Amino acid sequence: MATTTTHYSVLLVEDNQDLVIGLQDLLRHDGYAVTVAGTVAGAIELVRAHRFNAIILDLGLPDGDGLDVLKEIQRRDPSLPVVIVTAHISRDRTVGSLTEGAYAYLTKPYDRDELRHTLRRALGVKELAAKVERTEHLLNESEERLELVIQGSNDGFWDGRVLPNEPWSSPHTPVWWSPRVKTMLGYTDEEFPDVLESWTSRLHPEDTDRVFAALTAHIDRRVP
């Protein structure tokens, strides 16, 4: 019974027709859409013209080295997983292909179950990379909106991050003050740089211990 993978498109780069037939049957049985190329030139042309979810790549092709296909894939989409299945088993070829960006290296005769599992893991990595990219894009959009809100607001904003194994009052604590905070306090950017000391040095001496104690209790989650 085929698994539900029909939305995945795989480019099979292999010149041995017997192996092509076997791999096509295996992949289509599992629900993949399969496109075949038998040469370096043909594979590169397809990679440039279409979007694939994964590549299964032989290195020994009639018109050149399969690593040239891998290099083109890395140039266009470094996150596209490439599973090499080849008879070339020298250590230099193995290490070289992985260094060039291949996801995995399997030798012929390939094990069907190993190939299946490797391809599924490779697709999982690709999906994770896509999710991270989408999340970063949404985060950038969110940060841009927040920046517009801050710029258009009469409120002051500040942000700080306690460093590991450091007290919150460490001079190394990263801190940021919005321009409005500095304006409200009557300072310029030059007079009130983004360091904690800009604020701590301006506390009244009689208030310092009380304020530090209250903030420490809050940051340590001992008080609301």
N, C-alpha and C. Protein backbone atom coordinates (compact mmCIF):
# COMPACT_ATOMS: atom_id res chain seq x y z
N MET A 1 0.86 -1.21 0.00
CA MET A 1 0.00 0.00 0.00
C MET A 1 0.88 1.24 0.00
N ALA A 2 0.63 2.16 -0.91
CA ALA A 2 1.46 3.37 -1.02
C ALA A 2 1.19 4.31 0.14
N THR A 3 2.24 4.97 0.60
CA THR A 3 2.08 5.98 1.66
C THR A 3 1.63 7.28 1.03
N THR A 4 1.16 8.22 1.85
CA THR A 4 0.64 9.48 1.33
C THR A 4 1.76 10.47 1.11
N THR A 5 2.44 10.35 -0.03
CA THR A 5 3.56 11.27 -0.31
C THR A 5 3.42 11.87 -1.70
N THR A 6 2.20 11.90 -2.24
CA THR A 6 2.00 12.34 -3.61
C THR A 6 2.35 13.81 -3.81
N HIS A 7 2.44 14.57 -2.74
CA HIS A 7 2.79 15.98 -2.91
C HIS A 7 4.30 16.17 -2.97
N TYR A 8 5.07 15.08 -2.89
CA TYR A 8 6.52 15.18 -2.98
C TYR A 8 6.99 14.82 -4.38
N SER A 9 7.85 15.67 -4.92
CA SER A 9 8.39 15.46 -6.26
C SER A 9 9.88 15.13 -6.15
N VAL A 10 10.28 14.00 -6.74
CA VAL A 10 11.67 13.54 -6.65
C VAL A 10 12.28 13.50 -8.04
N LEU A 11 13.48 14.06 -8.17
CA LEU A 11 14.24 13.95 -9.40
C LEU A 11 15.22 12.79 -9.25
N LEU A 12 15.12 11.79 -10.13
CA LEU A 12 16.01 10.64 -10.13
C LEU A 12 17.03 10.82 -11.25
N VAL A 13 18.29 10.93 -10.87
CA VAL A 13 19.37 11.13 -11.85
C VAL A 13 20.16 9.83 -11.93
N GLU A 14 19.89 9.04 -12.97
CA GLU A 14 20.48 7.71 -13.12
C GLU A 14 20.45 7.31 -14.59
N ASP A 15 21.56 6.75 -15.09
CA ASP A 15 21.62 6.38 -16.51
C ASP A 15 21.40 4.88 -16.75
N ASN A 16 21.46 4.06 -15.70
CA ASN A 16 21.23 2.63 -15.84
C ASN A 16 19.73 2.37 -15.86
N GLN A 17 19.22 1.97 -17.03
CA GLN A 17 17.77 1.85 -17.20
C GLN A 17 17.15 0.79 -16.31
N ASP A 18 17.88 -0.29 -16.03
CA ASP A 18 17.34 -1.30 -15.12
C ASP A 18 17.13 -0.71 -13.73
N LEU A 19 18.13 0.06 -13.27
CA LEU A 19 18.00 0.70 -11.95
C LEU A 19 16.91 1.77 -11.98
N VAL A 20 16.79 2.49 -13.08
CA VAL A 20 15.74 3.51 -13.21
C VAL A 20 14.37 2.88 -13.03
N ILE A 21 14.14 1.75 -13.71
CA ILE A 21 12.84 1.08 -13.62
C ILE A 21 12.56 0.64 -12.18
N GLY A 22 13.59 0.04 -11.53
CA GLY A 22 13.40 -0.41 -10.16
C GLY A 22 13.13 0.72 -9.19
N LEU A 23 13.89 1.83 -9.32
CA LEU A 23 13.70 2.98 -8.43
C LEU A 23 12.38 3.68 -8.70
N GLN A 24 12.01 3.78 -9.97
CA GLN A 24 10.71 4.39 -10.29
C GLN A 24 9.57 3.60 -9.65
N ASP A 25 9.63 2.28 -9.78
CA ASP A 25 8.57 1.46 -9.19
C ASP A 25 8.52 1.64 -7.68
N LEU A 26 9.70 1.65 -7.03
CA LEU A 26 9.77 1.80 -5.58
C LEU A 26 9.20 3.15 -5.14
N LEU A 27 9.63 4.21 -5.81
CA LEU A 27 9.22 5.55 -5.41
C LEU A 27 7.75 5.82 -5.71
N ARG A 28 7.29 5.36 -6.87
CA ARG A 28 5.89 5.57 -7.22
C ARG A 28 4.97 4.74 -6.32
N HIS A 29 5.44 3.57 -5.93
CA HIS A 29 4.67 2.75 -4.99
C HIS A 29 4.48 3.49 -3.67
N ASP A 30 5.50 4.26 -3.27
CA ASP A 30 5.42 5.03 -2.03
C ASP A 30 4.71 6.36 -2.21
N GLY A 31 4.26 6.64 -3.44
CA GLY A 31 3.45 7.83 -3.65
C GLY A 31 4.18 9.06 -4.16
N TYR A 32 5.45 8.92 -4.51
CA TYR A 32 6.22 10.08 -5.00
C TYR A 32 5.96 10.31 -6.48
N ALA A 33 5.99 11.58 -6.89
CA ALA A 33 6.02 11.92 -8.30
C ALA A 33 7.48 11.90 -8.75
N VAL A 34 7.80 11.13 -9.79
CA VAL A 34 9.19 10.89 -10.17
C VAL A 34 9.48 11.46 -11.55
N THR A 35 10.57 12.24 -11.64
CA THR A 35 11.09 12.71 -12.90
C THR A 35 12.49 12.12 -13.07
N VAL A 36 12.84 11.71 -14.29
CA VAL A 36 14.11 11.01 -14.52
C VAL A 36 15.00 11.81 -15.45
N ALA A 37 16.30 11.86 -15.12
CA ALA A 37 17.32 12.41 -16.00
C ALA A 37 18.47 11.40 -16.05
N GLY A 38 19.04 11.22 -17.24
CA GLY A 38 20.12 10.24 -17.38
C GLY A 38 21.48 10.83 -17.61
N THR A 39 21.57 12.17 -17.61
CA THR A 39 22.85 12.84 -17.86
C THR A 39 23.01 14.03 -16.92
N VAL A 40 24.25 14.51 -16.81
CA VAL A 40 24.53 15.72 -16.03
C VAL A 40 23.77 16.91 -16.63
N ALA A 41 23.88 17.05 -17.95
CA ALA A 41 23.24 18.19 -18.62
C ALA A 41 21.73 18.16 -18.44
N GLY A 42 21.14 16.97 -18.59
CA GLY A 42 19.69 16.86 -18.45
C GLY A 42 19.24 17.16 -17.03
N ALA A 43 20.01 16.69 -16.05
CA ALA A 43 19.65 16.94 -14.65
C ALA A 43 19.73 18.42 -14.32
N ILE A 44 20.80 19.07 -14.75
CA ILE A 44 20.96 20.50 -14.47
C ILE A 44 19.84 21.30 -15.13
N GLU A 45 19.46 20.92 -16.34
CA GLU A 45 18.36 21.62 -17.03
C GLU A 45 17.06 21.48 -16.24
N LEU A 46 16.79 20.28 -15.72
CA LEU A 46 15.56 20.07 -14.95
C LEU A 46 15.59 20.82 -13.62
N VAL A 47 16.75 20.82 -12.97
CA VAL A 47 16.89 21.54 -11.70
C VAL A 47 16.63 23.03 -11.90
N ARG A 48 17.07 23.56 -13.02
CA ARG A 48 16.88 24.99 -13.30
C ARG A 48 15.44 25.32 -13.67
N ALA A 49 14.72 24.33 -14.22
CA ALA A 49 13.38 24.61 -14.74
C ALA A 49 12.26 24.23 -13.78
N HIS A 50 12.54 23.33 -12.83
CA HIS A 50 11.47 22.83 -11.96
C HIS A 50 11.89 22.85 -10.50
N ARG A 51 10.91 22.76 -9.62
CA ARG A 51 11.15 22.67 -8.19
C ARG A 51 10.90 21.24 -7.73
N PHE A 52 11.90 20.66 -7.08
CA PHE A 52 11.79 19.30 -6.56
C PHE A 52 11.92 19.32 -5.05
N ASN A 53 11.36 18.29 -4.42
CA ASN A 53 11.49 18.17 -2.96
C ASN A 53 12.74 17.42 -2.55
N ALA A 54 13.26 16.57 -3.44
CA ALA A 54 14.47 15.81 -3.15
C ALA A 54 15.08 15.32 -4.45
N ILE A 55 16.37 14.99 -4.41
CA ILE A 55 17.09 14.46 -5.56
C ILE A 55 17.75 13.16 -5.17
N ILE A 56 17.62 12.13 -6.01
CA ILE A 56 18.42 10.91 -5.88
C ILE A 56 19.42 10.94 -7.03
N LEU A 57 20.70 10.92 -6.68
CA LEU A 57 21.74 11.25 -7.67
C LEU A 57 22.81 10.17 -7.77
N ASP A 58 23.05 9.71 -9.00
CA ASP A 58 24.19 8.85 -9.29
C ASP A 58 25.37 9.76 -9.66
N LEU A 59 26.58 9.34 -9.32
CA LEU A 59 27.76 10.16 -9.63
C LEU A 59 28.36 9.82 -10.99
N GLY A 60 28.29 8.54 -11.38
CA GLY A 60 28.90 8.11 -12.64
C GLY A 60 27.94 8.23 -13.80
N LEU A 61 27.89 9.41 -14.42
CA LEU A 61 26.97 9.66 -15.52
C LEU A 61 27.74 9.73 -16.84
N PRO A 62 27.08 9.43 -17.96
CA PRO A 62 27.81 9.30 -19.23
C PRO A 62 28.48 10.58 -19.73
N ASP A 63 27.96 11.73 -19.35
CA ASP A 63 28.55 12.98 -19.85
C ASP A 63 29.31 13.76 -18.79
N GLY A 64 29.58 13.14 -17.63
CA GLY A 64 30.36 13.87 -16.63
C GLY A 64 30.15 13.35 -15.23
N ASP A 65 30.53 14.18 -14.27
CA ASP A 65 30.49 13.82 -12.85
C ASP A 65 29.20 14.33 -12.21
N GLY A 66 28.52 13.44 -11.50
CA GLY A 66 27.30 13.85 -10.82
C GLY A 66 27.50 14.94 -9.81
N LEU A 67 28.73 15.11 -9.31
CA LEU A 67 28.99 16.20 -8.36
C LEU A 67 28.74 17.56 -8.99
N ASP A 68 28.82 17.65 -10.32
CA ASP A 68 28.50 18.93 -10.98
C ASP A 68 27.01 19.26 -10.81
N VAL A 69 26.18 18.22 -10.81
CA VAL A 69 24.75 18.43 -10.55
C VAL A 69 24.56 18.90 -9.11
N LEU A 70 25.27 18.25 -8.19
CA LEU A 70 25.18 18.62 -6.77
C LEU A 70 25.59 20.07 -6.56
N LYS A 71 26.65 20.50 -7.22
CA LYS A 71 27.12 21.88 -7.08
C LYS A 71 26.07 22.87 -7.59
N GLU A 72 25.41 22.53 -8.69
CA GLU A 72 24.36 23.42 -9.22
C GLU A 72 23.18 23.49 -8.27
N ILE A 73 22.83 22.34 -7.68
CA ILE A 73 21.73 22.32 -6.70
C ILE A 73 22.08 23.19 -5.51
N GLN A 74 23.32 23.07 -5.00
CA GLN A 74 23.74 23.86 -3.86
C GLN A 74 23.74 25.35 -4.18
N ARG A 75 24.07 25.69 -5.42
CA ARG A 75 24.07 27.10 -5.82
C ARG A 75 22.66 27.67 -5.84
N ARG A 76 21.70 26.85 -6.27
CA ARG A 76 20.33 27.33 -6.42
C ARG A 76 19.50 27.20 -5.14
N ASP A 77 19.66 26.08 -4.43
CA ASP A 77 18.85 25.85 -3.22
C ASP A 77 19.61 24.92 -2.27
N PRO A 78 20.44 25.49 -1.38
CA PRO A 78 21.24 24.66 -0.48
C PRO A 78 20.42 23.77 0.45
N SER A 79 19.13 24.09 0.64
CA SER A 79 18.31 23.28 1.54
C SER A 79 17.69 22.07 0.85
N LEU A 80 17.85 21.96 -0.49
CA LEU A 80 17.26 20.84 -1.22
C LEU A 80 18.07 19.57 -0.94
N PRO A 81 17.45 18.53 -0.34
CA PRO A 81 18.21 17.33 0.04
C PRO A 81 18.58 16.48 -1.16
N VAL A 82 19.83 16.06 -1.20
CA VAL A 82 20.35 15.20 -2.27
C VAL A 82 20.85 13.90 -1.64
N VAL A 83 20.26 12.79 -2.07
CA VAL A 83 20.70 11.47 -1.62
C VAL A 83 21.47 10.83 -2.77
N ILE A 84 22.75 10.59 -2.55
CA ILE A 84 23.58 9.99 -3.58
C ILE A 84 23.50 8.47 -3.48
N VAL A 85 23.19 7.82 -4.60
CA VAL A 85 23.16 6.36 -4.68
C VAL A 85 24.05 5.98 -5.86
N THR A 86 25.23 5.47 -5.57
CA THR A 86 26.22 5.26 -6.62
C THR A 86 27.12 4.08 -6.32
N ALA A 87 27.81 3.59 -7.36
CA ALA A 87 28.76 2.50 -7.19
C ALA A 87 30.13 3.02 -6.77
N HIS A 88 30.35 4.33 -6.82
CA HIS A 88 31.62 4.92 -6.39
C HIS A 88 31.70 4.85 -4.87
N ILE A 89 32.64 4.08 -4.36
CA ILE A 89 32.67 3.84 -2.91
C ILE A 89 33.97 4.29 -2.26
N SER A 90 34.83 5.00 -2.99
CA SER A 90 36.08 5.45 -2.38
C SER A 90 35.79 6.49 -1.31
N ARG A 91 36.67 6.54 -0.31
CA ARG A 91 36.47 7.48 0.80
C ARG A 91 36.48 8.92 0.29
N ASP A 92 37.35 9.22 -0.66
CA ASP A 92 37.43 10.59 -1.20
C ASP A 92 36.10 11.01 -1.83
N ARG A 93 35.48 10.08 -2.54
CA ARG A 93 34.21 10.40 -3.18
C ARG A 93 33.11 10.58 -2.14
N THR A 94 33.12 9.71 -1.12
CA THR A 94 32.11 9.81 -0.08
C THR A 94 32.22 11.12 0.67
N VAL A 95 33.42 11.39 1.17
CA VAL A 95 33.65 12.63 1.92
C VAL A 95 33.43 13.84 1.02
N GLY A 96 33.90 13.75 -0.23
CA GLY A 96 33.75 14.87 -1.15
C GLY A 96 32.31 15.23 -1.41
N SER A 97 31.46 14.21 -1.60
CA SER A 97 30.05 14.49 -1.89
C SER A 97 29.35 15.08 -0.68
N LEU A 98 29.67 14.58 0.51
CA LEU A 98 29.05 15.12 1.73
C LEU A 98 29.54 16.54 1.99
N THR A 99 30.82 16.78 1.71
CA THR A 99 31.36 18.13 1.87
C THR A 99 30.68 19.11 0.92
N GLU A 100 30.34 18.63 -0.28
CA GLU A 100 29.69 19.49 -1.27
C GLU A 100 28.24 19.77 -0.92
N GLY A 101 27.69 19.04 0.08
CA GLY A 101 26.33 19.34 0.51
C GLY A 101 25.32 18.22 0.37
N ALA A 102 25.76 17.01 0.01
CA ALA A 102 24.82 15.89 -0.09
C ALA A 102 24.26 15.57 1.29
N TYR A 103 22.99 15.14 1.33
CA TYR A 103 22.39 14.78 2.61
C TYR A 103 22.89 13.41 3.08
N ALA A 104 23.00 12.47 2.14
CA ALA A 104 23.44 11.12 2.51
C ALA A 104 24.07 10.45 1.29
N TYR A 105 24.83 9.37 1.55
CA TYR A 105 25.57 8.67 0.51
C TYR A 105 25.30 7.18 0.68
N LEU A 106 24.60 6.56 -0.29
CA LEU A 106 24.32 5.13 -0.27
C LEU A 106 25.02 4.47 -1.44
N THR A 107 25.48 3.24 -1.24
CA THR A 107 26.20 2.54 -2.31
C THR A 107 25.31 1.49 -2.97
N LYS A 108 25.60 1.25 -4.23
CA LYS A 108 24.91 0.20 -4.97
C LYS A 108 25.59 -1.15 -4.69
N PRO A 109 24.84 -2.25 -4.63
CA PRO A 109 23.37 -2.31 -4.72
C PRO A 109 22.72 -1.74 -3.46
N TYR A 110 21.75 -0.87 -3.65
CA TYR A 110 21.14 -0.17 -2.52
C TYR A 110 20.13 -1.07 -1.82
N ASP A 111 19.93 -0.81 -0.56
CA ASP A 111 18.92 -1.49 0.24
C ASP A 111 17.63 -0.67 0.15
N ARG A 112 16.56 -1.29 -0.27
CA ARG A 112 15.30 -0.57 -0.52
C ARG A 112 14.79 0.14 0.74
N ASP A 113 14.80 -0.56 1.86
CA ASP A 113 14.29 0.04 3.09
C ASP A 113 15.19 1.19 3.56
N GLU A 114 16.50 1.02 3.41
CA GLU A 114 17.43 2.09 3.80
C GLU A 114 17.20 3.33 2.95
N LEU A 115 17.01 3.11 1.65
CA LEU A 115 16.74 4.24 0.75
C LEU A 115 15.44 4.93 1.13
N ARG A 116 14.40 4.15 1.41
CA ARG A 116 13.12 4.72 1.81
C ARG A 116 13.26 5.60 3.05
N HIS A 117 13.91 5.04 4.07
CA HIS A 117 14.05 5.77 5.33
C HIS A 117 14.92 7.01 5.16
N THR A 118 15.98 6.88 4.37
CA THR A 118 16.87 8.02 4.14
C THR A 118 16.13 9.14 3.42
N LEU A 119 15.33 8.77 2.42
CA LEU A 119 14.59 9.78 1.66
C LEU A 119 13.56 10.47 2.55
N ARG A 120 12.88 9.71 3.40
CA ARG A 120 11.89 10.32 4.29
C ARG A 120 12.55 11.28 5.27
N ARG A 121 13.72 10.88 5.80
CA ARG A 121 14.43 11.78 6.73
C ARG A 121 14.87 13.05 6.00
N ALA A 122 15.35 12.86 4.77
CA ALA A 122 15.80 14.02 3.98
C ALA A 122 14.65 14.99 3.74
N LEU A 123 13.47 14.46 3.41
CA LEU A 123 12.31 15.32 3.20
C LEU A 123 11.89 16.01 4.49
N GLY A 124 12.04 15.31 5.62
CA GLY A 124 11.73 15.92 6.91
C GLY A 124 12.64 17.09 7.19
N VAL A 125 13.92 16.94 6.86
CA VAL A 125 14.88 18.04 7.05
C VAL A 125 14.50 19.22 6.16
N LYS A 126 14.12 18.94 4.93
CA LYS A 126 13.71 20.00 4.00
C LYS A 126 12.49 20.74 4.53
N GLU A 127 11.50 19.99 5.05
CA GLU A 127 10.29 20.63 5.58
C GLU A 127 10.63 21.49 6.80
N LEU A 128 11.53 20.98 7.65
CA LEU A 128 11.93 21.75 8.82
C LEU A 128 12.60 23.05 8.41
N ALA A 129 13.47 22.97 7.40
CA ALA A 129 14.15 24.17 6.91
C ALA A 129 13.14 25.18 6.37
N ALA A 130 12.11 24.66 5.67
CA ALA A 130 11.07 25.55 5.13
C ALA A 130 10.28 26.21 6.25
N LYS A 131 9.97 25.45 7.32
CA LYS A 131 9.24 26.01 8.46
C LYS A 131 10.07 27.09 9.15
N VAL A 132 11.37 26.82 9.31
CA VAL A 132 12.24 27.82 9.94
C VAL A 132 12.27 29.10 9.11
N GLU A 133 12.36 28.92 7.78
CA GLU A 133 12.39 30.09 6.90
C GLU A 133 11.10 30.89 7.02
N ARG A 134 9.95 30.17 7.05
CA ARG A 134 8.66 30.87 7.19
C ARG A 134 8.57 31.58 8.54
N THR A 135 9.05 30.90 9.59
CA THR A 135 9.00 31.48 10.92
C THR A 135 9.86 32.74 10.98
N GLU A 136 11.08 32.66 10.40
CA GLU A 136 11.94 33.85 10.39
C GLU A 136 11.33 34.99 9.62
N HIS A 137 10.64 34.63 8.51
CA HIS A 137 9.98 35.68 7.72
C HIS A 137 8.87 36.35 8.53
N LEU A 138 8.06 35.53 9.22
CA LEU A 138 6.99 36.08 10.05
C LEU A 138 7.57 36.91 11.20
N LEU A 139 8.69 36.43 11.77
CA LEU A 139 9.33 37.16 12.86
C LEU A 139 9.82 38.52 12.37
N ASN A 140 10.41 38.55 11.18
CA ASN A 140 10.87 39.82 10.62
C ASN A 140 9.71 40.78 10.41
N GLU A 141 8.60 40.24 9.89
CA GLU A 141 7.42 41.09 9.70
C GLU A 141 6.91 41.62 11.03
N SER A 142 6.89 40.74 12.05
CA SER A 142 6.41 41.15 13.37
C SER A 142 7.31 42.23 13.97
N GLU A 143 8.62 42.06 13.80
CA GLU A 143 9.56 43.05 14.32
C GLU A 143 9.40 44.39 13.61
N GLU A 144 9.15 44.34 12.30
CA GLU A 144 8.95 45.58 11.55
C GLU A 144 7.69 46.30 12.02
N ARG A 145 6.62 45.53 12.27
CA ARG A 145 5.38 46.16 12.77
C ARG A 145 5.59 46.76 14.16
N LEU A 146 6.31 46.01 15.01
CA LEU A 146 6.58 46.52 16.35
C LEU A 146 7.40 47.80 16.29
N GLU A 147 8.36 47.85 15.39
CA GLU A 147 9.19 49.04 15.25
C GLU A 147 8.33 50.25 14.85
N LEU A 148 7.38 50.02 13.94
CA LEU A 148 6.49 51.11 13.53
C LEU A 148 5.62 51.58 14.69
N VAL A 149 5.13 50.62 15.50
CA VAL A 149 4.32 50.97 16.68
C VAL A 149 5.15 51.80 17.65
N ILE A 150 6.37 51.36 17.90
CA ILE A 150 7.25 52.07 18.85
C ILE A 150 7.53 53.49 18.36
N GLN A 151 7.81 53.60 17.05
CA GLN A 151 8.13 54.92 16.50
C GLN A 151 6.94 55.87 16.59
N GLY A 152 5.73 55.31 16.44
CA GLY A 152 4.55 56.18 16.45
C GLY A 152 3.91 56.33 17.81
N SER A 153 4.51 55.76 18.85
CA SER A 153 3.90 55.79 20.18
C SER A 153 4.53 56.87 21.05
N ASN A 154 3.72 57.39 21.98
CA ASN A 154 4.24 58.32 22.98
C ASN A 154 4.77 57.60 24.21
N ASP A 155 4.62 56.28 24.22
CA ASP A 155 5.12 55.49 25.35
C ASP A 155 6.60 55.19 25.17
N GLY A 156 7.26 54.95 26.29
CA GLY A 156 8.67 54.55 26.25
C GLY A 156 8.80 53.05 26.39
N PHE A 157 9.72 52.45 25.67
CA PHE A 157 9.93 51.01 25.73
C PHE A 157 11.39 50.71 26.05
N TRP A 158 11.60 49.63 26.80
CA TRP A 158 12.96 49.18 27.00
C TRP A 158 12.98 47.67 27.03
N ASP A 159 14.12 47.09 26.76
CA ASP A 159 14.24 45.63 26.73
C ASP A 159 15.63 45.24 27.21
N GLY A 160 15.69 44.18 27.99
CA GLY A 160 16.98 43.69 28.47
C GLY A 160 16.99 42.18 28.53
N ARG A 161 18.17 41.58 28.55
CA ARG A 161 18.28 40.12 28.60
C ARG A 161 19.37 39.74 29.59
N VAL A 162 18.97 38.97 30.61
CA VAL A 162 19.93 38.53 31.62
C VAL A 162 20.83 37.45 31.02
N LEU A 163 22.13 37.62 31.16
CA LEU A 163 23.09 36.67 30.61
C LEU A 163 23.24 35.46 31.53
N PRO A 164 23.53 34.28 30.98
CA PRO A 164 23.74 33.09 31.81
C PRO A 164 24.88 33.31 32.81
N ASN A 165 24.65 32.89 34.05
CA ASN A 165 25.66 32.97 35.11
C ASN A 165 26.11 34.39 35.42
N GLU A 166 25.25 35.36 35.10
CA GLU A 166 25.55 36.76 35.41
C GLU A 166 24.35 37.35 36.15
N PRO A 167 24.57 38.25 37.12
CA PRO A 167 23.43 38.95 37.73
C PRO A 167 22.81 39.91 36.71
N TRP A 168 21.52 40.24 36.92
CA TRP A 168 20.88 41.14 35.96
C TRP A 168 21.55 42.49 35.91
N SER A 169 22.20 42.87 37.02
CA SER A 169 22.83 44.19 37.09
C SER A 169 24.25 44.21 36.53
N SER A 170 24.66 43.11 35.89
CA SER A 170 26.00 43.07 35.30
C SER A 170 26.16 44.17 34.25
N PRO A 171 27.32 44.80 34.19
CA PRO A 171 27.53 45.84 33.16
C PRO A 171 27.49 45.26 31.74
N HIS A 172 27.54 43.92 31.63
CA HIS A 172 27.51 43.30 30.31
C HIS A 172 26.09 42.97 29.85
N THR A 173 25.09 43.18 30.70
CA THR A 173 23.71 42.86 30.35
C THR A 173 23.27 43.64 29.11
N PRO A 174 22.85 42.96 28.03
CA PRO A 174 22.37 43.68 26.84
C PRO A 174 21.06 44.39 27.16
N VAL A 175 20.98 45.65 26.82
CA VAL A 175 19.78 46.42 27.10
C VAL A 175 19.54 47.40 25.96
N TRP A 176 18.27 47.72 25.74
CA TRP A 176 17.90 48.66 24.68
C TRP A 176 16.85 49.60 25.22
N TRP A 177 17.03 50.89 24.91
CA TRP A 177 16.06 51.91 25.30
C TRP A 177 15.49 52.53 24.03
N SER A 178 14.16 52.67 23.97
CA SER A 178 13.57 53.31 22.79
C SER A 178 13.89 54.80 22.82
N PRO A 179 13.92 55.43 21.65
CA PRO A 179 14.20 56.87 21.61
C PRO A 179 13.27 57.68 22.51
N ARG A 180 12.00 57.22 22.65
CA ARG A 180 11.03 57.96 23.46
C ARG A 180 11.44 57.97 24.94
N VAL A 181 12.01 56.84 25.44
CA VAL A 181 12.48 56.80 26.82
C VAL A 181 13.50 57.90 27.05
N LYS A 182 14.44 58.02 26.14
CA LYS A 182 15.52 58.99 26.31
C LYS A 182 14.97 60.42 26.23
N THR A 183 14.00 60.62 25.33
CA THR A 183 13.40 61.94 25.21
C THR A 183 12.63 62.31 26.48
N MET A 184 11.88 61.33 27.02
CA MET A 184 11.10 61.58 28.23
C MET A 184 12.01 61.95 29.41
N LEU A 185 13.19 61.34 29.44
CA LEU A 185 14.14 61.61 30.52
C LEU A 185 15.01 62.83 30.24
N GLY A 186 14.89 63.37 29.03
CA GLY A 186 15.62 64.59 28.71
C GLY A 186 17.04 64.36 28.24
N TYR A 187 17.29 63.18 27.63
CA TYR A 187 18.65 62.87 27.17
C TYR A 187 18.66 62.60 25.67
N THR A 188 19.83 62.77 25.08
CA THR A 188 20.04 62.40 23.68
C THR A 188 20.58 60.98 23.63
N ASP A 189 20.65 60.42 22.41
CA ASP A 189 21.22 59.08 22.24
C ASP A 189 22.65 59.01 22.76
N GLU A 190 23.41 60.07 22.52
CA GLU A 190 24.80 60.10 22.95
C GLU A 190 24.91 60.15 24.47
N GLU A 191 23.98 60.86 25.12
CA GLU A 191 24.01 60.98 26.57
C GLU A 191 23.46 59.74 27.29
N PHE A 192 22.65 58.95 26.58
CA PHE A 192 21.99 57.81 27.20
C PHE A 192 22.17 56.58 26.29
N PRO A 193 23.39 56.05 26.19
CA PRO A 193 23.63 54.90 25.30
C PRO A 193 22.93 53.64 25.80
N ASP A 194 22.85 52.64 24.93
CA ASP A 194 22.15 51.39 25.26
C ASP A 194 23.02 50.46 26.10
N VAL A 195 23.27 50.91 27.33
CA VAL A 195 23.95 50.09 28.34
C VAL A 195 23.20 50.29 29.66
N LEU A 196 23.25 49.28 30.52
CA LEU A 196 22.48 49.35 31.77
C LEU A 196 22.93 50.51 32.65
N GLU A 197 24.20 50.85 32.56
CA GLU A 197 24.74 51.93 33.39
C GLU A 197 24.07 53.27 33.12
N SER A 198 23.54 53.45 31.90
CA SER A 198 22.85 54.71 31.59
C SER A 198 21.74 54.97 32.60
N TRP A 199 21.10 53.89 33.04
CA TRP A 199 20.01 54.03 34.02
C TRP A 199 20.52 53.91 35.46
N THR A 200 21.33 52.88 35.73
CA THR A 200 21.77 52.65 37.12
C THR A 200 22.58 53.82 37.67
N SER A 201 23.35 54.46 36.82
CA SER A 201 24.19 55.56 37.29
C SER A 201 23.38 56.80 37.63
N ARG A 202 22.11 56.84 37.20
CA ARG A 202 21.26 58.01 37.44
C ARG A 202 20.26 57.78 38.57
N LEU A 203 20.30 56.61 39.19
CA LEU A 203 19.44 56.39 40.36
C LEU A 203 19.92 57.25 41.52
N HIS A 204 18.97 57.72 42.32
CA HIS A 204 19.36 58.47 43.52
C HIS A 204 20.06 57.49 44.48
N PRO A 205 21.17 57.88 45.06
CA PRO A 205 21.92 56.97 45.93
C PRO A 205 21.07 56.35 47.04
N GLU A 206 20.10 57.12 47.57
CA GLU A 206 19.28 56.57 48.65
C GLU A 206 18.25 55.55 48.15
N ASP A 207 18.02 55.52 46.83
CA ASP A 207 17.04 54.58 46.25
C ASP A 207 17.69 53.32 45.69
N THR A 208 19.00 53.35 45.47
CA THR A 208 19.67 52.28 44.73
C THR A 208 19.44 50.90 45.34
N ASP A 209 19.69 50.74 46.64
CA ASP A 209 19.56 49.42 47.27
C ASP A 209 18.12 48.91 47.18
N ARG A 210 17.16 49.79 47.45
CA ARG A 210 15.76 49.37 47.42
C ARG A 210 15.33 48.95 46.02
N VAL A 211 15.72 49.74 45.02
CA VAL A 211 15.34 49.44 43.64
C VAL A 211 15.99 48.14 43.17
N PHE A 212 17.27 47.99 43.47
CA PHE A 212 17.98 46.77 43.07
C PHE A 212 17.35 45.53 43.71
N ALA A 213 17.00 45.65 45.00
CA ALA A 213 16.40 44.52 45.71
C ALA A 213 15.04 44.16 45.11
N ALA A 214 14.23 45.16 44.79
CA ALA A 214 12.91 44.92 44.22
C ALA A 214 13.01 44.27 42.83
N LEU A 215 13.91 44.77 42.01
CA LEU A 215 14.07 44.20 40.67
C LEU A 215 14.64 42.78 40.72
N THR A 216 15.57 42.54 41.62
CA THR A 216 16.15 41.20 41.77
C THR A 216 15.07 40.20 42.19
N ALA A 217 14.22 40.59 43.13
CA ALA A 217 13.14 39.71 43.58
C ALA A 217 12.18 39.40 42.44
N HIS A 218 11.92 40.39 41.60
CA HIS A 218 11.01 40.18 40.47
C HIS A 218 11.65 39.29 39.41
N ILE A 219 12.89 39.58 39.05
CA ILE A 219 13.58 38.80 38.00
C ILE A 219 13.79 37.36 38.44
N ASP A 220 14.02 37.16 39.74
CA ASP A 220 14.16 35.79 40.28
C ASP A 220 12.82 35.11 40.49
N ARG A 221 11.71 35.79 40.09
CA ARG A 221 10.34 35.25 40.19
C ARG A 221 9.90 34.99 41.63
N ARG A 222 10.41 35.81 42.54
CA ARG A 222 9.99 35.69 43.94
C ARG A 222 8.81 36.58 44.25
N VAL A 223 8.61 37.63 43.44
CA VAL A 223 7.44 38.51 43.61
C VAL A 223 6.88 38.81 42.21
N PRO A 224 5.57 39.14 42.13
CA PRO A 224 4.98 39.47 40.82
C PRO A 224 5.66 40.68 40.20
